[in-house]
């Protein structure tokens, strides 16, 4: 057998072993939920750090947008964060799903519109 095939079989075995631990060990589901929450928090922390770095690197460009476009940009980014964090609640009903799609689409459009208008000069 090729080494790539053996590596793939090993990876599948590891995933199956982890799934068996989560399913069969008492408290495995709770442990998996804790690990998932830790991963989500680490992802949010990294996203926040990247956002702060981008803000520091492009501070002059952001202030050169003017108050109106900068406010639109910040409100759109804030709306994207809120909509993504409330996805599980909004996706439980039809109107919530429509609101999720509309808010996300409008916010993404607002970000692109601000970037587009800033690059036209």
PDB file of N, CA and C in Angstrom:
ATOM      1  N   UNK A   1       0.835  -1.187   0.000  1.00  0.00           N
ATOM      2  CA  UNK A   1       0.000   0.000   0.000  1.00  0.00           C
ATOM      3  C   UNK A   1       0.875   1.244   0.000  1.00  0.00           C
ATOM      4  N   UNK A   2       0.352   2.280  -0.568  1.00  0.00           N
ATOM      5  CA  UNK A   2       1.071   3.540  -0.627  1.00  0.00           C
ATOM      6  C   UNK A   2       1.014   4.241   0.721  1.00  0.00           C
ATOM      7  N   UNK A   3       1.975   5.099   0.960  1.00  0.00           N
ATOM      8  CA  UNK A   3       2.022   5.799   2.248  1.00  0.00           C
ATOM      9  C   UNK A   3       0.837   6.754   2.402  1.00  0.00           C
ATOM     10  N   UNK A   4       0.377   7.342   1.295  1.00  0.00           N
ATOM     11  CA  UNK A   4      -0.774   8.252   1.393  1.00  0.00           C
ATOM     12  C   UNK A   4      -2.041   7.486   1.758  1.00  0.00           C
ATOM     13  N   UNK A   5      -2.173   6.264   1.259  1.00  0.00           N
ATOM     14  CA  UNK A   5      -3.335   5.445   1.604  1.00  0.00           C
ATOM     15  C   UNK A   5      -3.292   5.062   3.075  1.00  0.00           C
ATOM     16  N   UNK A   6      -2.107   4.692   3.558  1.00  0.00           N
ATOM     17  CA  UNK A   6      -1.965   4.351   4.972  1.00  0.00           C
ATOM     18  C   UNK A   6      -2.247   5.568   5.861  1.00  0.00           C
ATOM     19  N   UNK A   7      -1.796   6.730   5.419  1.00  0.00           N
ATOM     20  CA  UNK A   7      -2.040   7.952   6.189  1.00  0.00           C
ATOM     21  C   UNK A   7      -3.540   8.252   6.241  1.00  0.00           C
ATOM     22  N   UNK A   8      -4.225   8.084   5.125  1.00  0.00           N
ATOM     23  CA  UNK A   8      -5.673   8.321   5.103  1.00  0.00           C
ATOM     24  C   UNK A   8      -6.411   7.333   5.991  1.00  0.00           C
ATOM     25  N   UNK A   9      -6.005   6.056   5.947  1.00  0.00           N
ATOM     26  CA  UNK A   9      -6.637   5.060   6.819  1.00  0.00           C
ATOM     27  C   UNK A   9      -6.378   5.368   8.290  1.00  0.00           C
ATOM     28  N   UNK A  10      -5.169   5.811   8.602  1.00  0.00           N
ATOM     29  CA  UNK A  10      -4.855   6.200   9.980  1.00  0.00           C
ATOM     30  C   UNK A  10      -5.727   7.371  10.429  1.00  0.00           C
ATOM     31  N   UNK A  11      -5.888   8.369   9.575  1.00  0.00           N
ATOM     32  CA  UNK A  11      -6.713   9.530   9.923  1.00  0.00           C
ATOM     33  C   UNK A  11      -8.167   9.129  10.140  1.00  0.00           C
ATOM     34  N   UNK A  12      -8.667   8.239   9.311  1.00  0.00           N
ATOM     35  CA  UNK A  12     -10.043   7.759   9.483  1.00  0.00           C
ATOM     36  C   UNK A  12     -10.176   7.007  10.798  1.00  0.00           C
ATOM     37  N   UNK A  13      -9.180   6.197  11.130  1.00  0.00           N
ATOM     38  CA  UNK A  13      -9.209   5.453  12.394  1.00  0.00           C
ATOM     39  C   UNK A  13      -9.195   6.402  13.594  1.00  0.00           C
ATOM     40  N   UNK A  14      -8.428   7.471  13.514  1.00  0.00           N
ATOM     41  CA  UNK A  14      -8.385   8.451  14.613  1.00  0.00           C
ATOM     42  C   UNK A  14      -9.741   9.110  14.782  1.00  0.00           C
ATOM     43  N   UNK A  15     -10.370   9.506  13.681  1.00  0.00           N
ATOM     44  CA  UNK A  15     -11.687  10.145  13.757  1.00  0.00           C
ATOM     45  C   UNK A  15     -12.716   9.174  14.329  1.00  0.00           C
ATOM     46  N   UNK A  16     -12.681   7.928  13.894  1.00  0.00           N
ATOM     47  CA  UNK A  16     -13.624   6.930  14.426  1.00  0.00           C
ATOM     48  C   UNK A  16     -13.380   6.668  15.909  1.00  0.00           C
ATOM     49  N   UNK A  17     -12.114   6.649  16.326  1.00  0.00           N
ATOM     50  CA  UNK A  17     -11.812   6.452  17.748  1.00  0.00           C
ATOM     51  C   UNK A  17     -12.322   7.617  18.584  1.00  0.00           C
ATOM     52  N   UNK A  18     -12.131   8.831  18.099  1.00  0.00           N
ATOM     53  CA  UNK A  18     -12.640   9.998  18.832  1.00  0.00           C
ATOM     54  C   UNK A  18     -14.165   9.983  18.899  1.00  0.00           C
ATOM     55  N   UNK A  19     -14.813   9.596  17.811  1.00  0.00           N
ATOM     56  CA  UNK A  19     -16.277   9.510  17.815  1.00  0.00           C
ATOM     57  C   UNK A  19     -16.747   8.450  18.799  1.00  0.00           C
ATOM     58  N   UNK A  20     -16.035   7.331  18.878  1.00  0.00           N
ATOM     59  CA  UNK A  20     -16.404   6.278  19.834  1.00  0.00           C
ATOM     60  C   UNK A  20     -16.231   6.758  21.272  1.00  0.00           C
ATOM     61  N   UNK A  21     -15.170   7.506  21.540  1.00  0.00           N
ATOM     62  CA  UNK A  21     -14.956   8.045  22.890  1.00  0.00           C
ATOM     63  C   UNK A  21     -16.083   8.992  23.257  1.00  0.00           C
ATOM     64  N   UNK A  22     -16.458   9.873  22.339  1.00  0.00           N
ATOM     65  CA  UNK A  22     -17.529  10.832  22.629  1.00  0.00           C
ATOM     66  C   UNK A  22     -18.852  10.106  22.851  1.00  0.00           C
ATOM     67  N   UNK A  23     -19.092   9.049  22.100  1.00  0.00           N
ATOM     68  CA  UNK A  23     -20.367   8.347  22.194  1.00  0.00           C
ATOM     69  C   UNK A  23     -20.431   7.387  23.376  1.00  0.00           C
ATOM     70  N   UNK A  24     -19.361   6.693  23.672  1.00  0.00           N
ATOM     71  CA  UNK A  24     -19.414   5.605  24.644  1.00  0.00           C
ATOM     72  C   UNK A  24     -18.985   5.990  26.056  1.00  0.00           C
ATOM     73  N   UNK A  25     -18.069   6.921  26.199  1.00  0.00           N
ATOM     74  CA  UNK A  25     -17.581   7.295  27.529  1.00  0.00           C
ATOM     75  C   UNK A  25     -18.617   8.193  28.204  1.00  0.00           C
ATOM     76  N   UNK A  26     -18.934   7.910  29.479  1.00  0.00           N
ATOM     77  CA  UNK A  26     -19.866   8.795  30.193  1.00  0.00           C
ATOM     78  C   UNK A  26     -19.284  10.206  30.300  1.00  0.00           C
ATOM     79  N   UNK A  27     -20.076  11.177  29.939  1.00  0.00           N
ATOM     80  CA  UNK A  27     -19.615  12.563  29.954  1.00  0.00           C
ATOM     81  C   UNK A  27     -18.830  12.939  28.716  1.00  0.00           C
ATOM     82  N   UNK A  28     -18.730  12.042  27.756  1.00  0.00           N
ATOM     83  CA  UNK A  28     -17.987  12.342  26.528  1.00  0.00           C
ATOM     84  C   UNK A  28     -18.627  13.455  25.731  1.00  0.00           C
ATOM     85  N   UNK A  29     -19.956  13.476  25.704  1.00  0.00           N
ATOM     86  CA  UNK A  29     -20.660  14.543  24.994  1.00  0.00           C
ATOM     87  C   UNK A  29     -20.423  15.894  25.634  1.00  0.00           C
ATOM     88  N   UNK A  30     -20.395  15.921  26.961  1.00  0.00           N
ATOM     89  CA  UNK A  30     -20.117  17.169  27.675  1.00  0.00           C
ATOM     90  C   UNK A  30     -18.689  17.630  27.386  1.00  0.00           C
ATOM     91  N   UNK A  31     -17.769  16.686  27.396  1.00  0.00           N
ATOM     92  CA  UNK A  31     -16.381  17.028  27.072  1.00  0.00           C
ATOM     93  C   UNK A  31     -16.244  17.560  25.659  1.00  0.00           C
ATOM     94  N   UNK A  32     -16.979  16.952  24.737  1.00  0.00           N
ATOM     95  CA  UNK A  32     -16.944  17.423  23.352  1.00  0.00           C
ATOM     96  C   UNK A  32     -17.533  18.829  23.243  1.00  0.00           C
ATOM     97  N   UNK A  33     -18.594  19.099  24.001  1.00  0.00           N
ATOM     98  CA  UNK A  33     -19.185  20.441  23.993  1.00  0.00           C
ATOM     99  C   UNK A  33     -18.226  21.470  24.569  1.00  0.00           C
ATOM    100  N   UNK A  34     -17.502  21.103  25.620  1.00  0.00           N
ATOM    101  CA  UNK A  34     -16.510  22.010  26.208  1.00  0.00           C
ATOM    102  C   UNK A  34     -15.394  22.286  25.202  1.00  0.00           C
ATOM    103  N   UNK A  35     -14.915  21.250  24.540  1.00  0.00           N
ATOM    104  CA  UNK A  35     -13.860  21.429  23.541  1.00  0.00           C
ATOM    105  C   UNK A  35     -14.343  22.307  22.387  1.00  0.00           C
ATOM    106  N   UNK A  36     -15.578  22.103  21.953  1.00  0.00           N
ATOM    107  CA  UNK A  36     -16.138  22.918  20.880  1.00  0.00           C
ATOM    108  C   UNK A  36     -16.281  24.372  21.304  1.00  0.00           C
ATOM    109  N   UNK A  37     -16.715  24.600  22.536  1.00  0.00           N
ATOM    110  CA  UNK A  37     -16.830  25.971  23.046  1.00  0.00           C
ATOM    111  C   UNK A  37     -15.455  26.627  23.143  1.00  0.00           C
ATOM    112  N   UNK A  38     -14.445  25.869  23.571  1.00  0.00           N
ATOM    113  CA  UNK A  38     -13.093  26.410  23.642  1.00  0.00           C
ATOM    114  C   UNK A  38     -12.574  26.773  22.258  1.00  0.00           C
ATOM    115  N   UNK A  39     -12.852  25.928  21.273  1.00  0.00           N
ATOM    116  CA  UNK A  39     -12.445  26.239  19.899  1.00  0.00           C
ATOM    117  C   UNK A  39     -13.149  27.484  19.373  1.00  0.00           C
ATOM    118  N   UNK A  40     -14.434  27.618  19.685  1.00  0.00           N
ATOM    119  CA  UNK A  40     -15.190  28.791  19.232  1.00  0.00           C
ATOM    120  C   UNK A  40     -14.637  30.058  19.870  1.00  0.00           C
ATOM    121  N   UNK A  41     -14.315  30.000  21.158  1.00  0.00           N
ATOM    122  CA  UNK A  41     -13.746  31.175  21.830  1.00  0.00           C
ATOM    123  C   UNK A  41     -12.365  31.514  21.272  1.00  0.00           C
ATOM    124  N   UNK A  42     -11.564  30.488  20.985  1.00  0.00           N
ATOM    125  CA  UNK A  42     -10.252  30.747  20.395  1.00  0.00           C
ATOM    126  C   UNK A  42     -10.400  31.385  19.018  1.00  0.00           C
ATOM    127  N   UNK A  43     -11.371  30.915  18.232  1.00  0.00           N
ATOM    128  CA  UNK A  43     -11.617  31.499  16.919  1.00  0.00           C
ATOM    129  C   UNK A  43     -12.036  32.961  17.049  1.00  0.00           C
ATOM    130  N   UNK A  44     -12.921  33.255  17.983  1.00  0.00           N
ATOM    131  CA  UNK A  44     -13.359  34.643  18.187  1.00  0.00           C
ATOM    132  C   UNK A  44     -12.215  35.525  18.664  1.00  0.00           C
ATOM    133  N   UNK A  45     -11.372  34.988  19.536  1.00  0.00           N
ATOM    134  CA  UNK A  45     -10.226  35.771  20.015  1.00  0.00           C
ATOM    135  C   UNK A  45      -9.263  36.075  18.870  1.00  0.00           C
ATOM    136  N   UNK A  46      -9.017  35.098  18.030  1.00  0.00           N
ATOM    137  CA  UNK A  46      -8.134  35.318  16.884  1.00  0.00           C
ATOM    138  C   UNK A  46      -8.755  36.315  15.909  1.00  0.00           C
ATOM    139  N   UNK A  47     -10.056  36.208  15.679  1.00  0.00           N
ATOM    140  CA  UNK A  47     -10.732  37.159  14.784  1.00  0.00           C
ATOM    141  C   UNK A  47     -10.662  38.578  15.355  1.00  0.00           C
ATOM    142  N   UNK A  48     -10.837  38.716  16.656  1.00  0.00           N
ATOM    143  CA  UNK A  48     -10.720  40.030  17.292  1.00  0.00           C
ATOM    144  C   UNK A  48      -9.317  40.588  17.193  1.00  0.00           C
ATOM    145  N   UNK A  49      -8.329  39.732  17.379  1.00  0.00           N
ATOM    146  CA  UNK A  49      -6.944  40.175  17.275  1.00  0.00           C
ATOM    147  C   UNK A  49      -6.634  40.631  15.849  1.00  0.00           C
ATOM    148  N   UNK A  50      -7.090  39.867  14.863  1.00  0.00           N
ATOM    149  CA  UNK A  50      -6.871  40.249  13.466  1.00  0.00           C
ATOM    150  C   UNK A  50      -7.578  41.574  13.164  1.00  0.00           C
ATOM    151  N   UNK A  51      -8.799  41.726  13.680  1.00  0.00           N
ATOM    152  CA  UNK A  51      -9.524  42.981  13.479  1.00  0.00           C
ATOM    153  C   UNK A  51      -8.797  44.175  14.085  1.00  0.00           C
ATOM    154  N   UNK A  52      -8.239  44.003  15.274  1.00  0.00           N
ATOM    155  CA  UNK A  52      -7.513  45.117  15.898  1.00  0.00           C
ATOM    156  C   UNK A  52      -6.238  45.432  15.129  1.00  0.00           C
ATOM    157  N   UNK A  53      -5.557  44.402  14.623  1.00  0.00           N
ATOM    158  CA  UNK A  53      -4.363  44.644  13.823  1.00  0.00           C
ATOM    159  C   UNK A  53      -4.707  45.388  12.533  1.00  0.00           C
ATOM    160  N   UNK A  54      -5.782  44.950  11.875  1.00  0.00           N
ATOM    161  CA  UNK A  54      -6.187  45.625  10.639  1.00  0.00           C
ATOM    162  C   UNK A  54      -6.575  47.073  10.916  1.00  0.00           C
ATOM    163  N   UNK A  55      -7.261  47.312  12.040  1.00  0.00           N
ATOM    164  CA  UNK A  55      -7.641  48.681  12.388  1.00  0.00           C
ATOM    165  C   UNK A  55      -6.397  49.542  12.588  1.00  0.00           C
ATOM    166  N   UNK A  56      -5.415  49.031  13.318  1.00  0.00           N
ATOM    167  CA  UNK A  56      -4.198  49.810  13.564  1.00  0.00           C
ATOM    168  C   UNK A  56      -3.429  50.078  12.277  1.00  0.00           C
ATOM    169  N   UNK A  57      -3.382  49.098  11.383  1.00  0.00           N
ATOM    170  CA  UNK A  57      -2.627  49.273  10.153  1.00  0.00           C
ATOM    171  C   UNK A  57      -3.318  50.221   9.165  1.00  0.00           C
ATOM    172  N   UNK A  58      -4.644  50.293   9.212  1.00  0.00           N
ATOM    173  CA  UNK A  58      -5.391  51.097   8.239  1.00  0.00           C
ATOM    174  C   UNK A  58      -6.150  52.245   8.897  1.00  0.00           C
ATOM    175  N   UNK A  59      -5.678  52.706  10.029  1.00  0.00           N
ATOM    176  CA  UNK A  59      -6.364  53.760  10.769  1.00  0.00           C
ATOM    177  C   UNK A  59      -6.494  55.042   9.953  1.00  0.00           C
ATOM    178  N   UNK A  60      -5.444  55.437   9.267  1.00  0.00           N
ATOM    179  CA  UNK A  60      -5.475  56.669   8.477  1.00  0.00           C
ATOM    180  C   UNK A  60      -6.485  56.545   7.341  1.00  0.00           C
ATOM    181  N   UNK A  61      -6.503  55.394   6.678  1.00  0.00           N
ATOM    182  CA  UNK A  61      -7.459  55.194   5.584  1.00  0.00           C
ATOM    183  C   UNK A  61      -8.888  55.207   6.112  1.00  0.00           C
ATOM    184  N   UNK A  62      -9.107  54.649   7.303  1.00  0.00           N
ATOM    185  CA  UNK A  62     -10.460  54.660   7.866  1.00  0.00           C
ATOM    186  C   UNK A  62     -10.906  56.077   8.205  1.00  0.00           C
ATOM    187  N   UNK A  63     -10.012  56.876   8.776  1.00  0.00           N
ATOM    188  CA  UNK A  63     -10.393  58.249   9.103  1.00  0.00           C
ATOM    189  C   UNK A  63     -10.564  59.104   7.858  1.00  0.00           C
ATOM    190  N   UNK A  64      -9.909  58.716   6.761  1.00  0.00           N
ATOM    191  CA  UNK A  64     -10.062  59.492   5.535  1.00  0.00           C
ATOM    192  C   UNK A  64     -11.381  59.188   4.822  1.00  0.00           C
ATOM    193  N   UNK A  65     -12.110  58.179   5.287  1.00  0.00           N
ATOM    194  CA  UNK A  65     -13.407  57.871   4.678  1.00  0.00           C
ATOM    195  C   UNK A  65     -14.434  58.971   4.931  1.00  0.00           C
ATOM    196  N   UNK A  66     -14.287  59.678   6.006  1.00  0.00           N
ATOM    197  CA  UNK A  66     -15.298  60.646   6.398  1.00  0.00           C
ATOM    198  C   UNK A  66     -16.253  60.019   7.403  1.00  0.00           C
ATOM    199  N   UNK A  67     -16.959  60.878   8.125  1.00  0.00           N
ATOM    200  CA  UNK A  67     -17.820  60.388   9.209  1.00  0.00           C
ATOM    201  C   UNK A  67     -18.955  59.510   8.708  1.00  0.00           C
ATOM    202  N   UNK A  68     -19.593  59.903   7.629  1.00  0.00           N
ATOM    203  CA  UNK A  68     -20.778  59.172   7.149  1.00  0.00           C
ATOM    204  C   UNK A  68     -20.419  57.761   6.677  1.00  0.00           C
ATOM    205  N   UNK A  69     -19.407  57.668   5.807  1.00  0.00           N
ATOM    206  CA  UNK A  69     -19.032  56.341   5.292  1.00  0.00           C
ATOM    207  C   UNK A  69     -18.419  55.470   6.383  1.00  0.00           C
ATOM    208  N   UNK A  70     -17.665  56.070   7.300  1.00  0.00           N
ATOM    209  CA  UNK A  70     -17.095  55.301   8.395  1.00  0.00           C
ATOM    210  C   UNK A  70     -18.192  54.766   9.307  1.00  0.00           C
ATOM    211  N   UNK A  71     -19.234  55.561   9.556  1.00  0.00           N
ATOM    212  CA  UNK A  71     -20.359  55.097  10.367  1.00  0.00           C
ATOM    213  C   UNK A  71     -21.089  53.945   9.671  1.00  0.00           C
ATOM    214  N   UNK A  72     -21.287  54.075   8.370  1.00  0.00           N
ATOM    215  CA  UNK A  72     -21.939  52.984   7.617  1.00  0.00           C
ATOM    216  C   UNK A  72     -21.098  51.720   7.701  1.00  0.00           C
ATOM    217  N   UNK A  73     -19.801  51.855   7.541  1.00  0.00           N
ATOM    218  CA  UNK A  73     -18.910  50.700   7.610  1.00  0.00           C
ATOM    219  C   UNK A  73     -18.966  50.040   8.984  1.00  0.00           C
ATOM    220  N   UNK A  74     -18.871  50.828  10.048  1.00  0.00           N
ATOM    221  CA  UNK A  74     -18.888  50.259  11.396  1.00  0.00           C
ATOM    222  C   UNK A  74     -20.238  49.628  11.726  1.00  0.00           C
ATOM    223  N   UNK A  75     -21.337  50.267  11.301  1.00  0.00           N
ATOM    224  CA  UNK A  75     -22.654  49.674  11.562  1.00  0.00           C
ATOM    225  C   UNK A  75     -22.829  48.369  10.785  1.00  0.00           C
ATOM    226  N   UNK A  76     -22.352  48.334   9.551  1.00  0.00           N
ATOM    227  CA  UNK A  76     -22.464  47.108   8.758  1.00  0.00           C
ATOM    228  C   UNK A  76     -21.637  45.980   9.374  1.00  0.00           C
ATOM    229  N   UNK A  77     -20.422  46.279   9.803  1.00  0.00           N
ATOM    230  CA  UNK A  77     -19.593  45.255  10.438  1.00  0.00           C
ATOM    231  C   UNK A  77     -20.206  44.790  11.758  1.00  0.00           C
ATOM    232  N   UNK A  78     -20.758  45.707  12.524  1.00  0.00           N
ATOM    233  CA  UNK A  78     -21.433  45.326  13.763  1.00  0.00           C
ATOM    234  C   UNK A  78     -22.656  44.467  13.507  1.00  0.00           C
ATOM    235  N   UNK A  79     -23.407  44.800  12.464  1.00  0.00           N
ATOM    236  CA  UNK A  79     -24.585  43.998  12.110  1.00  0.00           C
ATOM    237  C   UNK A  79     -24.175  42.592  11.688  1.00  0.00           C
ATOM    238  N   UNK A  80     -23.080  42.481  10.946  1.00  0.00           N
ATOM    239  CA  UNK A  80     -22.599  41.157  10.541  1.00  0.00           C
ATOM    240  C   UNK A  80     -22.232  40.331  11.772  1.00  0.00           C
ATOM    241  N   UNK A  81     -21.563  40.941  12.738  1.00  0.00           N
ATOM    242  CA  UNK A  81     -21.185  40.213  13.957  1.00  0.00           C
ATOM    243  C   UNK A  81     -22.420  39.757  14.722  1.00  0.00           C
ATOM    244  N   UNK A  82     -23.405  40.642  14.875  1.00  0.00           N
ATOM    245  CA  UNK A  82     -24.617  40.287  15.620  1.00  0.00           C
ATOM    246  C   UNK A  82     -25.416  39.202  14.892  1.00  0.00           C
ATOM    247  N   UNK A  83     -25.557  39.345  13.580  1.00  0.00           N
ATOM    248  CA  UNK A  83     -26.328  38.361  12.814  1.00  0.00           C
ATOM    249  C   UNK A  83     -25.656  36.992  12.870  1.00  0.00           C
ATOM    250  N   UNK A  84     -24.331  36.953  12.726  1.00  0.00           N
ATOM    251  CA  UNK A  84     -23.640  35.667  12.782  1.00  0.00           C
ATOM    252  C   UNK A  84     -23.693  35.048  14.178  1.00  0.00           C
ATOM    253  N   UNK A  85     -23.661  35.880  15.214  1.00  0.00           N
ATOM    254  CA  UNK A  85     -23.730  35.323  16.565  1.00  0.00           C
ATOM    255  C   UNK A  85     -25.144  34.868  16.920  1.00  0.00           C
ATOM    256  N   UNK A  86     -26.151  35.404  16.265  1.00  0.00           N
ATOM    257  CA  UNK A  86     -27.540  35.012  16.535  1.00  0.00           C
ATOM    258  C   UNK A  86     -28.072  34.028  15.508  1.00  0.00           C
ATOM    259  N   UNK A  87     -27.204  33.410  14.740  1.00  0.00           N
ATOM    260  CA  UNK A  87     -27.636  32.499  13.676  1.00  0.00           C
ATOM    261  C   UNK A  87     -28.496  31.365  14.199  1.00  0.00           C
ATOM    262  N   UNK A  88     -28.096  30.779  15.319  1.00  0.00           N
ATOM    263  CA  UNK A  88     -28.848  29.626  15.825  1.00  0.00           C
ATOM    264  C   UNK A  88     -30.270  30.016  16.221  1.00  0.00           C
ATOM    265  N   UNK A  89     -30.467  31.226  16.714  1.00  0.00           N
ATOM    266  CA  UNK A  89     -31.813  31.670  17.099  1.00  0.00           C
ATOM    267  C   UNK A  89     -32.635  32.096  15.891  1.00  0.00           C
ATOM    268  N   UNK A  90     -31.986  32.744  14.939  1.00  0.00           N
ATOM    269  CA  UNK A  90     -32.717  33.240  13.775  1.00  0.00           C
ATOM    270  C   UNK A  90     -33.114  32.125  12.813  1.00  0.00           C
ATOM    271  N   UNK A  91     -32.341  31.057  12.774  1.00  0.00           N
ATOM    272  CA  UNK A  91     -32.602  29.988  11.813  1.00  0.00           C
ATOM    273  C   UNK A  91     -33.694  29.022  12.265  1.00  0.00           C
ATOM    274  N   UNK A  92     -34.328  29.267  13.397  1.00  0.00           N
ATOM    275  CA  UNK A  92     -35.353  28.346  13.882  1.00  0.00           C
ATOM    276  C   UNK A  92     -36.708  28.580  13.246  1.00  0.00           C
ATOM    277  N   UNK A  93     -36.897  29.709  12.579  1.00  0.00           N
ATOM    278  CA  UNK A  93     -38.194  29.986  11.954  1.00  0.00           C
ATOM    279  C   UNK A  93     -37.968  30.537  10.548  1.00  0.00           C
ATOM    280  N   UNK A  94     -39.020  30.496   9.759  1.00  0.00           N
ATOM    281  CA  UNK A  94     -38.945  31.021   8.402  1.00  0.00           C
ATOM    282  C   UNK A  94     -38.662  32.509   8.344  1.00  0.00           C
ATOM    283  N   UNK A  95     -39.452  33.332   9.077  1.00  0.00           N
ATOM    284  CA  UNK A  95     -39.165  34.767   9.058  1.00  0.00           C
ATOM    285  C   UNK A  95     -37.786  35.112   9.618  1.00  0.00           C
ATOM    286  N   UNK A  96     -37.332  34.345  10.606  1.00  0.00           N
ATOM    287  CA  UNK A  96     -35.994  34.573  11.148  1.00  0.00           C
ATOM    288  C   UNK A  96     -34.919  34.280  10.122  1.00  0.00           C
ATOM    289  N   UNK A  97     -35.116  33.235   9.344  1.00  0.00           N
ATOM    290  CA  UNK A  97     -34.153  32.893   8.295  1.00  0.00           C
ATOM    291  C   UNK A  97     -34.130  33.980   7.225  1.00  0.00           C
ATOM    292  N   UNK A  98     -35.296  34.469   6.851  1.00  0.00           N
ATOM    293  CA  UNK A  98     -35.363  35.557   5.867  1.00  0.00           C
ATOM    294  C   UNK A  98     -34.680  36.806   6.417  1.00  0.00           C
ATOM    295  N   UNK A  99     -34.934  37.134   7.692  1.00  0.00           N
ATOM    296  CA  UNK A  99     -34.289  38.295   8.314  1.00  0.00           C
ATOM    297  C   UNK A  99     -32.775  38.109   8.344  1.00  0.00           C
ATOM    298  N   UNK A 100     -32.305  36.891   8.647  1.00  0.00           N
ATOM    299  CA  UNK A 100     -30.876  36.603   8.686  1.00  0.00           C
ATOM    300  C   UNK A 100     -30.253  36.860   7.317  1.00  0.00           C
ATOM    301  N   UNK A 101     -30.893  36.352   6.269  1.00  0.00           N
ATOM    302  CA  UNK A 101     -30.359  36.510   4.913  1.00  0.00           C
ATOM    303  C   UNK A 101     -30.365  37.976   4.500  1.00  0.00           C
ATOM    304  N   UNK A 102     -31.473  38.673   4.768  1.00  0.00           N
ATOM    305  CA  UNK A 102     -31.591  40.083   4.356  1.00  0.00           C
ATOM    306  C   UNK A 102     -30.576  40.948   5.097  1.00  0.00           C
ATOM    307  N   UNK A 103     -30.466  40.775   6.423  1.00  0.00           N
ATOM    308  CA  UNK A 103     -29.523  41.587   7.195  1.00  0.00           C
ATOM    309  C   UNK A 103     -28.083  41.321   6.780  1.00  0.00           C
ATOM    310  N   UNK A 104     -27.760  40.064   6.559  1.00  0.00           N
ATOM    311  CA  UNK A 104     -26.398  39.732   6.154  1.00  0.00           C
ATOM    312  C   UNK A 104     -26.095  40.284   4.763  1.00  0.00           C
ATOM    313  N   UNK A 105     -27.043  40.136   3.843  1.00  0.00           N
ATOM    314  CA  UNK A 105     -26.827  40.636   2.478  1.00  0.00           C
ATOM    315  C   UNK A 105     -26.694  42.157   2.455  1.00  0.00           C
ATOM    316  N   UNK A 106     -27.546  42.858   3.191  1.00  0.00           N
ATOM    317  CA  UNK A 106     -27.463  44.318   3.230  1.00  0.00           C
ATOM    318  C   UNK A 106     -26.162  44.789   3.867  1.00  0.00           C
ATOM    319  N   UNK A 107     -25.731  44.103   4.899  1.00  0.00           N
ATOM    320  CA  UNK A 107     -24.486  44.498   5.567  1.00  0.00           C
ATOM    321  C   UNK A 107     -23.277  44.269   4.672  1.00  0.00           C
ATOM    322  N   UNK A 108     -23.247  43.138   3.999  1.00  0.00           N
ATOM    323  CA  UNK A 108     -22.136  42.864   3.078  1.00  0.00           C
ATOM    324  C   UNK A 108     -22.151  43.873   1.937  1.00  0.00           C
ATOM    325  N   UNK A 109     -23.345  44.201   1.432  1.00  0.00           N
ATOM    326  CA  UNK A 109     -23.442  45.209   0.379  1.00  0.00           C
ATOM    327  C   UNK A 109     -22.938  46.568   0.878  1.00  0.00           C
ATOM    328  N   UNK A 110     -23.274  46.938   2.099  1.00  0.00           N
ATOM    329  CA  UNK A 110     -22.827  48.224   2.640  1.00  0.00           C
ATOM    330  C   UNK A 110     -21.304  48.271   2.757  1.00  0.00           C
ATOM    331  N   UNK A 111     -20.694  47.181   3.204  1.00  0.00           N
ATOM    332  CA  UNK A 111     -19.232  47.150   3.299  1.00  0.00           C
ATOM    333  C   UNK A 111     -18.616  47.306   1.910  1.00  0.00           C
ATOM    334  N   UNK A 112     -19.118  46.551   0.937  1.00  0.00           N
ATOM    335  CA  UNK A 112     -18.580  46.659  -0.413  1.00  0.00           C
ATOM    336  C   UNK A 112     -18.837  48.036  -1.020  1.00  0.00           C
ATOM    337  N   UNK A 113     -19.980  48.643  -0.725  1.00  0.00           N
ATOM    338  CA  UNK A 113     -20.266  49.974  -1.265  1.00  0.00           C
ATOM    339  C   UNK A 113     -19.309  51.013  -0.699  1.00  0.00           C
ATOM    340  N   UNK A 114     -18.996  50.920   0.591  1.00  0.00           N
ATOM    341  CA  UNK A 114     -18.066  51.864   1.197  1.00  0.00           C
ATOM    342  C   UNK A 114     -16.667  51.671   0.620  1.00  0.00           C
ATOM    343  N   UNK A 115     -16.243  50.423   0.485  1.00  0.00           N
ATOM    344  CA  UNK A 115     -14.907  50.156  -0.068  1.00  0.00           C
ATOM    345  C   UNK A 115     -14.857  50.621  -1.528  1.00  0.00           C
ATOM    346  N   UNK A 116     -15.894  50.347  -2.271  1.00  0.00           N
ATOM    347  CA  UNK A 116     -15.938  50.749  -3.682  1.00  0.00           C
ATOM    348  C   UNK A 116     -15.876  52.267  -3.824  1.00  0.00           C
ATOM    349  N   UNK A 117     -16.651  52.969  -3.008  1.00  0.00           N
ATOM    350  CA  UNK A 117     -16.639  54.444  -3.125  1.00  0.00           C
ATOM    351  C   UNK A 117     -15.322  55.032  -2.666  1.00  0.00           C
ATOM    352  N   UNK A 118     -14.663  54.382  -1.721  1.00  0.00           N
ATOM    353  CA  UNK A 118     -13.370  54.899  -1.253  1.00  0.00           C
ATOM    354  C   UNK A 118     -12.277  54.687  -2.290  1.00  0.00           C
ATOM    355  N   UNK A 119     -12.391  53.661  -3.102  1.00  0.00           N
ATOM    356  CA  UNK A 119     -11.362  53.368  -4.102  1.00  0.00           C
ATOM    357  C   UNK A 119     -11.562  54.138  -5.399  1.00  0.00           C
ATOM    358  N   UNK A 120     -12.621  54.883  -5.542  1.00  0.00           N
ATOM    359  CA  UNK A 120     -12.863  55.591  -6.788  1.00  0.00           C
ATOM    360  C   UNK A 120     -12.100  56.907  -6.880  1.00  0.00           C
ATOM    361  N   UNK A 121     -11.486  57.330  -5.804  1.00  0.00           N
ATOM    362  CA  UNK A 121     -10.735  58.603  -5.846  1.00  0.00           C
ATOM    363  C   UNK A 121      -9.336  58.392  -6.314  1.00  0.00           C
TER     364      UNK A 121
END
